[in-house]
Amino acid sequence: MTREEFEQLVEEEFPNAIPEKFRNRIQNVALLIEAEPSQMVRKQEGLDRNETLLGLYQGIPATARGDQYGVGVTLPDSITLFQQPIEDTAREESTDVRHVIRDTIWHEVAHHFGYDEHQIRGREQKRDT
């Protein structure tokens, strides 16, 4: 799949991934796409050789933003989706790339709202049943 085709899927799936009541609460977050995690990100996240990331949230979660957030220059948080691992996961799980994109966006936006990995995994299990 080309980068442009992947970007189009991300654009189409974002509204499907996030319930409408939460979309307006996502503020100062850039959605980025990279081919795969860099060596620096892999090291930062403590990934083994056979591990990868589908997405990565970096920033100050909405729940940790105090009254002074946004005063002065405030760089946006970022959610990065990694195209190659997402495509590989879809192929390995015999599912649609759209589904993996949607789940990855949901997961990373949950981090934006202050959920840790354990809390997100629990909510994913409830959501999938």
N, C-alpha and C. Protein backbone atom coordinates (compact mmCIF):
# COMPACT_ATOMS: atom_id res chain seq x y z
N MET A 1 0.85 -1.17 0.00
CA MET A 1 0.00 0.00 0.00
C MET A 1 0.90 1.23 0.00
N THR A 2 0.53 2.23 -0.78
CA THR A 2 1.33 3.46 -0.82
C THR A 2 1.08 4.28 0.44
N ARG A 3 1.98 5.21 0.67
CA ARG A 3 1.83 6.12 1.82
C ARG A 3 0.53 6.92 1.69
N GLU A 4 0.23 7.38 0.47
CA GLU A 4 -0.98 8.16 0.24
C GLU A 4 -2.24 7.35 0.52
N GLU A 5 -2.25 6.09 0.11
CA GLU A 5 -3.40 5.22 0.39
C GLU A 5 -3.56 5.00 1.89
N PHE A 6 -2.45 4.81 2.58
CA PHE A 6 -2.50 4.62 4.03
C PHE A 6 -3.02 5.88 4.71
N GLU A 7 -2.52 7.04 4.31
CA GLU A 7 -2.98 8.31 4.87
C GLU A 7 -4.48 8.49 4.68
N GLN A 8 -4.98 8.11 3.52
CA GLN A 8 -6.40 8.21 3.24
C GLN A 8 -7.21 7.32 4.19
N LEU A 9 -6.71 6.11 4.44
CA LEU A 9 -7.40 5.21 5.37
C LEU A 9 -7.40 5.79 6.78
N VAL A 10 -6.28 6.38 7.19
CA VAL A 10 -6.21 6.98 8.52
C VAL A 10 -7.24 8.11 8.64
N GLU A 11 -7.31 8.93 7.61
CA GLU A 11 -8.28 10.03 7.61
C GLU A 11 -9.71 9.52 7.69
N GLU A 12 -9.99 8.45 6.97
CA GLU A 12 -11.34 7.88 6.97
C GLU A 12 -11.67 7.18 8.29
N GLU A 13 -10.69 6.57 8.92
CA GLU A 13 -10.95 5.76 10.12
C GLU A 13 -10.94 6.56 11.42
N PHE A 14 -10.34 7.75 11.43
CA PHE A 14 -10.29 8.52 12.67
C PHE A 14 -11.68 8.73 13.27
N PRO A 15 -12.66 9.18 12.50
CA PRO A 15 -14.00 9.36 13.10
C PRO A 15 -14.63 8.05 13.58
N ASN A 16 -14.27 6.94 12.95
CA ASN A 16 -14.80 5.64 13.36
C ASN A 16 -14.14 5.13 14.63
N ALA A 17 -12.91 5.59 14.91
CA ALA A 17 -12.15 5.11 16.06
C ALA A 17 -12.55 5.82 17.35
N ILE A 18 -12.94 7.07 17.25
CA ILE A 18 -13.19 7.89 18.43
C ILE A 18 -14.66 8.29 18.49
N PRO A 19 -15.34 7.92 19.57
CA PRO A 19 -16.75 8.35 19.69
C PRO A 19 -16.86 9.87 19.58
N GLU A 20 -17.91 10.32 18.97
CA GLU A 20 -18.10 11.75 18.70
C GLU A 20 -17.97 12.61 19.95
N LYS A 21 -18.49 12.13 21.07
CA LYS A 21 -18.47 12.94 22.29
C LYS A 21 -17.04 13.21 22.78
N PHE A 22 -16.07 12.43 22.31
CA PHE A 22 -14.68 12.64 22.72
C PHE A 22 -13.85 13.40 21.68
N ARG A 23 -14.28 13.39 20.43
CA ARG A 23 -13.49 14.03 19.37
C ARG A 23 -13.18 15.49 19.65
N ASN A 24 -14.16 16.23 20.14
CA ASN A 24 -13.96 17.66 20.40
C ASN A 24 -13.04 17.91 21.59
N ARG A 25 -12.80 16.89 22.39
CA ARG A 25 -11.93 17.03 23.56
C ARG A 25 -10.46 16.78 23.23
N ILE A 26 -10.21 16.32 22.03
CA ILE A 26 -8.83 16.08 21.61
C ILE A 26 -8.28 17.42 21.13
N GLN A 27 -7.36 17.96 21.91
CA GLN A 27 -6.85 19.30 21.61
C GLN A 27 -5.33 19.30 21.56
N ASN A 28 -4.80 20.04 20.62
CA ASN A 28 -3.36 20.23 20.48
C ASN A 28 -2.63 18.90 20.30
N VAL A 29 -3.15 18.06 19.40
CA VAL A 29 -2.55 16.76 19.10
C VAL A 29 -2.37 16.63 17.60
N ALA A 30 -1.14 16.35 17.19
CA ALA A 30 -0.85 16.12 15.77
C ALA A 30 -0.90 14.62 15.50
N LEU A 31 -1.51 14.23 14.41
CA LEU A 31 -1.55 12.83 13.99
C LEU A 31 -0.51 12.66 12.89
N LEU A 32 0.50 11.82 13.15
CA LEU A 32 1.62 11.63 12.24
C LEU A 32 1.65 10.19 11.74
N ILE A 33 2.29 10.01 10.59
CA ILE A 33 2.48 8.67 10.04
C ILE A 33 3.95 8.51 9.70
N GLU A 34 4.51 7.41 10.16
CA GLU A 34 5.89 7.05 9.82
C GLU A 34 5.88 5.61 9.33
N ALA A 35 6.89 5.25 8.59
CA ALA A 35 6.97 3.89 8.06
C ALA A 35 7.07 2.87 9.19
N GLU A 36 7.98 3.11 10.13
CA GLU A 36 8.14 2.22 11.27
C GLU A 36 8.89 2.96 12.38
N PRO A 37 8.89 2.41 13.59
CA PRO A 37 9.57 3.10 14.69
C PRO A 37 11.07 3.23 14.42
N SER A 38 11.61 4.38 14.75
CA SER A 38 13.05 4.61 14.60
C SER A 38 13.81 3.82 15.66
N GLN A 39 15.11 3.71 15.49
CA GLN A 39 15.94 3.04 16.49
C GLN A 39 15.84 3.77 17.83
N MET A 40 15.77 5.11 17.79
CA MET A 40 15.65 5.89 19.02
C MET A 40 14.34 5.56 19.75
N VAL A 41 13.25 5.48 19.01
CA VAL A 41 11.95 5.14 19.61
C VAL A 41 11.98 3.72 20.15
N ARG A 42 12.56 2.81 19.39
CA ARG A 42 12.65 1.41 19.83
C ARG A 42 13.40 1.32 21.16
N LYS A 43 14.49 2.06 21.26
CA LYS A 43 15.28 2.05 22.49
C LYS A 43 14.50 2.71 23.63
N GLN A 44 13.89 3.86 23.35
CA GLN A 44 13.09 4.59 24.34
C GLN A 44 11.98 3.73 24.91
N GLU A 45 11.35 2.93 24.06
CA GLU A 45 10.23 2.09 24.47
C GLU A 45 10.66 0.71 24.97
N GLY A 46 11.97 0.44 24.95
CA GLY A 46 12.49 -0.83 25.45
C GLY A 46 12.06 -2.04 24.64
N LEU A 47 12.00 -1.88 23.33
CA LEU A 47 11.55 -2.97 22.47
C LEU A 47 12.67 -3.96 22.19
N ASP A 48 12.34 -5.24 22.23
CA ASP A 48 13.28 -6.28 21.82
C ASP A 48 13.32 -6.33 20.30
N ARG A 49 14.24 -7.09 19.78
CA ARG A 49 14.42 -7.21 18.33
C ARG A 49 13.15 -7.65 17.61
N ASN A 50 12.39 -8.56 18.24
CA ASN A 50 11.19 -9.10 17.59
C ASN A 50 9.91 -8.35 17.96
N GLU A 51 10.03 -7.20 18.66
CA GLU A 51 8.86 -6.40 19.02
C GLU A 51 8.80 -5.13 18.19
N THR A 52 7.60 -4.60 18.05
CA THR A 52 7.44 -3.35 17.34
C THR A 52 6.27 -2.58 17.95
N LEU A 53 6.00 -1.43 17.40
CA LEU A 53 4.88 -0.60 17.83
C LEU A 53 3.97 -0.35 16.65
N LEU A 54 2.68 -0.29 16.92
CA LEU A 54 1.72 0.11 15.90
C LEU A 54 1.51 1.62 15.95
N GLY A 55 1.59 2.16 17.17
CA GLY A 55 1.39 3.59 17.36
C GLY A 55 2.11 4.05 18.60
N LEU A 56 2.24 5.37 18.73
CA LEU A 56 2.93 5.95 19.88
C LEU A 56 2.34 7.31 20.20
N TYR A 57 1.92 7.49 21.45
CA TYR A 57 1.47 8.79 21.93
C TYR A 57 2.62 9.44 22.68
N GLN A 58 2.90 10.70 22.36
CA GLN A 58 3.92 11.46 23.06
C GLN A 58 3.34 12.82 23.41
N GLY A 59 3.43 13.18 24.69
CA GLY A 59 2.92 14.47 25.09
C GLY A 59 2.46 14.50 26.52
N ILE A 60 1.66 15.50 26.82
CA ILE A 60 1.09 15.68 28.15
C ILE A 60 -0.38 15.28 28.08
N PRO A 61 -0.75 14.18 28.75
CA PRO A 61 -2.15 13.74 28.69
C PRO A 61 -3.10 14.85 29.14
N ALA A 62 -4.28 14.85 28.58
CA ALA A 62 -5.28 15.87 28.90
C ALA A 62 -5.54 15.94 30.40
N THR A 63 -5.47 14.82 31.08
CA THR A 63 -5.73 14.79 32.52
C THR A 63 -4.61 15.41 33.34
N ALA A 64 -3.44 15.60 32.74
CA ALA A 64 -2.29 16.18 33.45
C ALA A 64 -2.05 17.64 33.08
N ARG A 65 -2.87 18.17 32.21
CA ARG A 65 -2.71 19.56 31.79
C ARG A 65 -3.35 20.47 32.83
N GLY A 66 -2.53 21.27 33.44
CA GLY A 66 -3.03 22.18 34.47
C GLY A 66 -3.54 23.48 33.87
N ASP A 67 -3.82 24.42 34.75
CA ASP A 67 -4.35 25.72 34.34
C ASP A 67 -3.37 26.49 33.46
N GLN A 68 -2.09 26.21 33.60
CA GLN A 68 -1.07 26.95 32.85
C GLN A 68 -0.77 26.31 31.48
N TYR A 69 -1.41 25.18 31.20
CA TYR A 69 -1.17 24.54 29.91
C TYR A 69 -1.61 25.47 28.78
N GLY A 70 -0.75 25.64 27.81
CA GLY A 70 -1.08 26.47 26.67
C GLY A 70 -0.68 27.93 26.84
N VAL A 71 -0.18 28.30 28.01
CA VAL A 71 0.30 29.66 28.20
C VAL A 71 1.68 29.73 27.58
N GLY A 72 1.84 30.60 26.63
CA GLY A 72 3.11 30.66 25.90
C GLY A 72 3.11 29.63 24.78
N VAL A 73 4.27 29.37 24.26
CA VAL A 73 4.41 28.42 23.16
C VAL A 73 4.24 27.01 23.70
N THR A 74 3.29 26.29 23.14
CA THR A 74 3.03 24.92 23.55
C THR A 74 3.02 24.03 22.30
N LEU A 75 4.03 23.19 22.21
CA LEU A 75 4.09 22.27 21.08
C LEU A 75 2.97 21.25 21.20
N PRO A 76 2.44 20.80 20.08
CA PRO A 76 1.37 19.81 20.16
C PRO A 76 1.90 18.45 20.61
N ASP A 77 1.03 17.69 21.26
CA ASP A 77 1.31 16.28 21.50
C ASP A 77 1.30 15.61 20.14
N SER A 78 1.74 14.37 20.09
CA SER A 78 1.68 13.66 18.82
C SER A 78 1.23 12.23 19.02
N ILE A 79 0.49 11.77 18.05
CA ILE A 79 0.15 10.36 17.92
C ILE A 79 0.73 9.94 16.59
N THR A 80 1.66 8.99 16.65
CA THR A 80 2.30 8.50 15.44
C THR A 80 1.79 7.10 15.15
N LEU A 81 1.34 6.89 13.93
CA LEU A 81 0.96 5.56 13.47
C LEU A 81 2.08 5.05 12.58
N PHE A 82 2.45 3.78 12.79
CA PHE A 82 3.55 3.19 12.04
C PHE A 82 2.98 2.25 10.97
N GLN A 83 3.09 2.67 9.74
CA GLN A 83 2.44 2.00 8.61
C GLN A 83 2.85 0.54 8.46
N GLN A 84 4.13 0.26 8.41
CA GLN A 84 4.57 -1.11 8.13
C GLN A 84 4.11 -2.09 9.21
N PRO A 85 4.31 -1.78 10.50
CA PRO A 85 3.81 -2.71 11.52
C PRO A 85 2.29 -2.88 11.50
N ILE A 86 1.57 -1.83 11.17
CA ILE A 86 0.11 -1.94 11.07
C ILE A 86 -0.27 -2.87 9.93
N GLU A 87 0.37 -2.69 8.78
CA GLU A 87 0.09 -3.58 7.64
C GLU A 87 0.48 -5.02 7.95
N ASP A 88 1.64 -5.21 8.60
CA ASP A 88 2.09 -6.55 8.97
C ASP A 88 1.10 -7.22 9.92
N THR A 89 0.62 -6.47 10.91
CA THR A 89 -0.33 -7.01 11.87
C THR A 89 -1.63 -7.41 11.19
N ALA A 90 -2.11 -6.57 10.29
CA ALA A 90 -3.34 -6.90 9.56
C ALA A 90 -3.16 -8.20 8.77
N ARG A 91 -2.03 -8.34 8.14
CA ARG A 91 -1.75 -9.55 7.36
C ARG A 91 -1.66 -10.78 8.28
N GLU A 92 -0.93 -10.65 9.40
CA GLU A 92 -0.75 -11.77 10.34
C GLU A 92 -2.08 -12.18 10.98
N GLU A 93 -2.94 -11.23 11.24
CA GLU A 93 -4.22 -11.52 11.89
C GLU A 93 -5.35 -11.74 10.88
N SER A 94 -5.02 -11.72 9.61
CA SER A 94 -6.01 -11.89 8.55
C SER A 94 -7.20 -10.95 8.75
N THR A 95 -6.88 -9.70 8.95
CA THR A 95 -7.92 -8.69 9.14
C THR A 95 -7.63 -7.51 8.23
N ASP A 96 -8.56 -6.61 8.16
CA ASP A 96 -8.46 -5.43 7.31
C ASP A 96 -7.53 -4.40 7.96
N VAL A 97 -6.70 -3.77 7.16
CA VAL A 97 -5.82 -2.71 7.65
C VAL A 97 -6.64 -1.63 8.35
N ARG A 98 -7.82 -1.35 7.84
CA ARG A 98 -8.69 -0.35 8.46
C ARG A 98 -8.96 -0.67 9.94
N HIS A 99 -9.19 -1.93 10.21
CA HIS A 99 -9.48 -2.36 11.58
C HIS A 99 -8.28 -2.09 12.49
N VAL A 100 -7.09 -2.41 12.03
CA VAL A 100 -5.89 -2.20 12.83
C VAL A 100 -5.64 -0.70 13.02
N ILE A 101 -5.85 0.08 11.98
CA ILE A 101 -5.71 1.54 12.10
C ILE A 101 -6.69 2.07 13.15
N ARG A 102 -7.93 1.67 13.05
CA ARG A 102 -8.97 2.13 13.97
C ARG A 102 -8.61 1.78 15.42
N ASP A 103 -8.20 0.55 15.65
CA ASP A 103 -7.83 0.12 17.00
C ASP A 103 -6.60 0.87 17.52
N THR A 104 -5.65 1.12 16.64
CA THR A 104 -4.44 1.82 17.05
C THR A 104 -4.74 3.27 17.40
N ILE A 105 -5.56 3.92 16.61
CA ILE A 105 -5.96 5.30 16.93
C ILE A 105 -6.67 5.33 18.28
N TRP A 106 -7.62 4.43 18.48
CA TRP A 106 -8.36 4.37 19.75
C TRP A 106 -7.39 4.21 20.92
N HIS A 107 -6.45 3.30 20.78
CA HIS A 107 -5.47 3.01 21.83
C HIS A 107 -4.64 4.25 22.17
N GLU A 108 -4.12 4.92 21.16
CA GLU A 108 -3.25 6.08 21.39
C GLU A 108 -4.04 7.29 21.91
N VAL A 109 -5.26 7.46 21.47
CA VAL A 109 -6.09 8.54 22.00
C VAL A 109 -6.42 8.27 23.47
N ALA A 110 -6.57 7.02 23.84
CA ALA A 110 -6.79 6.69 25.25
C ALA A 110 -5.60 7.15 26.10
N HIS A 111 -4.39 7.00 25.58
CA HIS A 111 -3.21 7.53 26.29
C HIS A 111 -3.33 9.05 26.42
N HIS A 112 -3.79 9.72 25.38
CA HIS A 112 -3.98 11.17 25.43
C HIS A 112 -4.93 11.56 26.56
N PHE A 113 -5.91 10.73 26.81
CA PHE A 113 -6.87 11.01 27.88
C PHE A 113 -6.41 10.49 29.24
N GLY A 114 -5.15 10.08 29.33
CA GLY A 114 -4.55 9.76 30.62
C GLY A 114 -4.56 8.31 31.04
N TYR A 115 -5.02 7.42 30.20
CA TYR A 115 -5.04 6.00 30.56
C TYR A 115 -3.65 5.39 30.37
N ASP A 116 -3.24 4.55 31.32
CA ASP A 116 -1.98 3.84 31.16
C ASP A 116 -2.21 2.55 30.37
N GLU A 117 -1.13 1.87 30.06
CA GLU A 117 -1.21 0.67 29.21
C GLU A 117 -2.12 -0.40 29.82
N HIS A 118 -2.02 -0.62 31.12
CA HIS A 118 -2.84 -1.63 31.79
C HIS A 118 -4.34 -1.28 31.69
N GLN A 119 -4.67 -0.03 31.94
CA GLN A 119 -6.07 0.41 31.86
C GLN A 119 -6.60 0.26 30.44
N ILE A 120 -5.78 0.62 29.47
CA ILE A 120 -6.21 0.53 28.07
C ILE A 120 -6.45 -0.92 27.67
N ARG A 121 -5.54 -1.79 28.05
CA ARG A 121 -5.71 -3.22 27.71
C ARG A 121 -7.02 -3.76 28.30
N GLY A 122 -7.33 -3.37 29.53
CA GLY A 122 -8.58 -3.80 30.14
C GLY A 122 -9.79 -3.30 29.39
N ARG A 123 -9.76 -2.04 28.97
CA ARG A 123 -10.87 -1.46 28.22
C ARG A 123 -10.97 -2.08 26.83
N GLU A 124 -9.83 -2.42 26.24
CA GLU A 124 -9.86 -3.07 24.92
C GLU A 124 -10.54 -4.43 25.02
N GLN A 125 -10.25 -5.16 26.09
CA GLN A 125 -10.88 -6.47 26.26
C GLN A 125 -12.38 -6.34 26.43
N LYS A 126 -12.82 -5.36 27.20
CA LYS A 126 -14.25 -5.13 27.39
C LYS A 126 -14.91 -4.70 26.08
N ARG A 127 -14.21 -3.86 25.33
CA ARG A 127 -14.74 -3.33 24.08
C ARG A 127 -14.89 -4.44 23.05
N ASP A 128 -13.96 -5.40 23.05
CA ASP A 128 -13.96 -6.45 22.04
C ASP A 128 -14.89 -7.61 22.35
N THR A 129 -15.43 -7.64 23.57
CA THR A 129 -16.33 -8.75 23.92
C THR A 129 -17.77 -8.37 23.74
